[in-house]
Each structure stands twice: as structure tokens, then as C-alpha cells.
Amino acid sequence: MKKHEYATDHFNRLNAWLKKAKIRTRYQFNMISPKNFNAFFQKLRAGDAVGFRSDLDVAMTKAAKAGN
């Protein structure tokens, strides 16, 4: 859970820095399991991966909120 939390925080800070520097590139962290490989790579190939959340991302976020 901590790896997911720290990686998400890192990418949020990175994206804030990019925005401040007026660089249009943005990054997104996804932790995927074999269950979501096909869906993720289909979205990636279609150029539609922005905002994709795997079952593992959802579970980790929910568990982190429950722990706070």
C-alpha cells in the first residue's frame, strides 16, 4: 500500500512541477495486475489511458482511505 501511496504522491508533485514550468506533459501512475493487462494495453494503444484506474489502483486507494 505504501508503494502505491508514495508513487501517487510522487507523480502528483511531478505533475505540479510540470504545470508550474508550463510543460504540457503529464504522468499518471498505474499499478496493474494480470487481470487488468488487456484493458490497460487496449486503452494505451487507443490513446485513451488518461484516467485509467485498475482494480488494484481502486483497491489500494480504498484501503488507504480506510486506514486514515
C-alpha atoms as a PDB file:
ATOM      1  CA  MET A   1       0.000   0.000   0.000  1.00  0.00           C
ATOM      2  CA  LYS A   2       2.818   2.404   0.841  1.00  0.00           C
ATOM      3  CA  LYS A   3       4.483   1.863  -2.544  1.00  0.00           C
ATOM      4  CA  HIS A   4       1.215   2.885  -4.245  1.00  0.00           C
ATOM      5  CA  GLU A   5       0.762   5.862  -1.917  1.00  0.00           C
ATOM      6  CA  TYR A   6       4.329   7.154  -2.365  1.00  0.00           C
ATOM      7  CA  ALA A   7       4.287   6.669  -6.140  1.00  0.00           C
ATOM      8  CA  THR A   8       0.955   8.500  -6.452  1.00  0.00           C
ATOM      9  CA  ASP A   9       2.291  11.374  -4.329  1.00  0.00           C
ATOM     10  CA  HIS A  10       5.478  11.483  -6.409  1.00  0.00           C
ATOM     11  CA  PHE A  11       3.569  11.768  -9.693  1.00  0.00           C
ATOM     12  CA  ASN A  12       1.279  14.433  -8.224  1.00  0.00           C
ATOM     13  CA  ARG A  13       4.335  16.502  -7.235  1.00  0.00           C
ATOM     14  CA  LEU A  14       5.957  15.900 -10.617  1.00  0.00           C
ATOM     15  CA  ASN A  15       2.812  16.976 -12.468  1.00  0.00           C
ATOM     16  CA  ALA A  16       2.520  20.100 -10.299  1.00  0.00           C
ATOM     17  CA  TRP A  17       6.111  20.994 -11.156  1.00  0.00           C
ATOM     18  CA  LEU A  18       5.465  20.398 -14.882  1.00  0.00           C
ATOM     19  CA  LYS A  19       2.366  22.591 -14.741  1.00  0.00           C
ATOM     20  CA  LYS A  20       4.257  25.374 -12.971  1.00  0.00           C
ATOM     21  CA  ALA A  21       7.031  25.113 -15.583  1.00  0.00           C
ATOM     22  CA  LYS A  22       4.348  25.309 -18.307  1.00  0.00           C
ATOM     23  CA  ILE A  23       5.328  21.916 -19.696  1.00  0.00           C
ATOM     24  CA  ARG A  24       2.299  20.138 -21.158  1.00  0.00           C
ATOM     25  CA  THR A  25       3.486  16.592 -20.431  1.00  0.00           C
ATOM     26  CA  ARG A  26       1.689  14.850 -17.566  1.00  0.00           C
ATOM     27  CA  TYR A  27       2.338  11.469 -15.962  1.00  0.00           C
ATOM     28  CA  GLN A  28      -0.012   9.017 -14.350  1.00  0.00           C
ATOM     29  CA  PHE A  29       0.834   6.100 -12.087  1.00  0.00           C
ATOM     30  CA  ASN A  30      -0.962   2.805 -12.524  1.00  0.00           C
ATOM     31  CA  MET A  31      -0.358  -0.391 -10.631  1.00  0.00           C
ATOM     32  CA  ILE A  32      -1.855  -3.179 -12.694  1.00  0.00           C
ATOM     33  CA  SER A  33      -2.249  -6.884 -12.133  1.00  0.00           C
ATOM     34  CA  PRO A  34      -2.576  -9.577 -14.808  1.00  0.00           C
ATOM     35  CA  LYS A  35      -6.363  -9.204 -14.503  1.00  0.00           C
ATOM     36  CA  ASN A  36      -6.165  -5.692 -15.998  1.00  0.00           C
ATOM     37  CA  PHE A  37      -3.325  -6.132 -18.523  1.00  0.00           C
ATOM     38  CA  ASN A  38      -5.612  -6.408 -21.554  1.00  0.00           C
ATOM     39  CA  ALA A  39      -7.824  -3.466 -20.622  1.00  0.00           C
ATOM     40  CA  PHE A  40      -4.827  -1.252 -19.814  1.00  0.00           C
ATOM     41  CA  PHE A  41      -2.919  -2.008 -23.000  1.00  0.00           C
ATOM     42  CA  GLN A  42      -6.040  -1.638 -25.154  1.00  0.00           C
ATOM     43  CA  LYS A  43      -6.567   1.833 -23.644  1.00  0.00           C
ATOM     44  CA  LEU A  44      -2.883   2.644 -24.099  1.00  0.00           C
ATOM     45  CA  ARG A  45      -2.883   1.604 -27.777  1.00  0.00           C
ATOM     46  CA  ALA A  46      -6.078   3.607 -28.386  1.00  0.00           C
ATOM     47  CA  GLY A  47      -4.518   6.680 -26.753  1.00  0.00           C
ATOM     48  CA  ASP A  48      -7.223   6.625 -24.096  1.00  0.00           C
ATOM     49  CA  ALA A  49      -5.276   5.664 -20.952  1.00  0.00           C
ATOM     50  CA  VAL A  50      -5.682   9.055 -19.244  1.00  0.00           C
ATOM     51  CA  GLY A  51      -7.605   8.493 -16.036  1.00  0.00           C
ATOM     52  CA  PHE A  52      -7.429   4.680 -16.290  1.00  0.00           C
ATOM     53  CA  ARG A  53      -7.697   3.041 -12.886  1.00  0.00           C
ATOM     54  CA  SER A  54      -7.056  -0.661 -12.482  1.00  0.00           C
ATOM     55  CA  ASP A  55      -8.843  -2.827  -9.954  1.00  0.00           C
ATOM     56  CA  LEU A  56      -5.608  -2.750  -7.949  1.00  0.00           C
ATOM     57  CA  ASP A  57      -5.492   1.091  -8.054  1.00  0.00           C
ATOM     58  CA  VAL A  58      -9.065   1.253  -6.807  1.00  0.00           C
ATOM     59  CA  ALA A  59      -8.433  -1.290  -4.028  1.00  0.00           C
ATOM     60  CA  MET A  60      -5.241   0.461  -2.880  1.00  0.00           C
ATOM     61  CA  THR A  61      -6.924   3.874  -2.801  1.00  0.00           C
ATOM     62  CA  LYS A  62      -9.890   2.487  -0.890  1.00  0.00           C
ATOM     63  CA  ALA A  63      -7.632   0.707   1.616  1.00  0.00           C
ATOM     64  CA  ALA A  64      -5.547   3.856   2.155  1.00  0.00           C
ATOM     65  CA  LYS A  65      -8.675   5.919   2.852  1.00  0.00           C
ATOM     66  CA  ALA A  66      -9.976   3.284   5.272  1.00  0.00           C
ATOM     67  CA  GLY A  67      -6.654   3.370   7.144  1.00  0.00           C
ATOM     68  CA  ASN A  68      -6.774   7.126   7.701  1.00  0.00           C
END
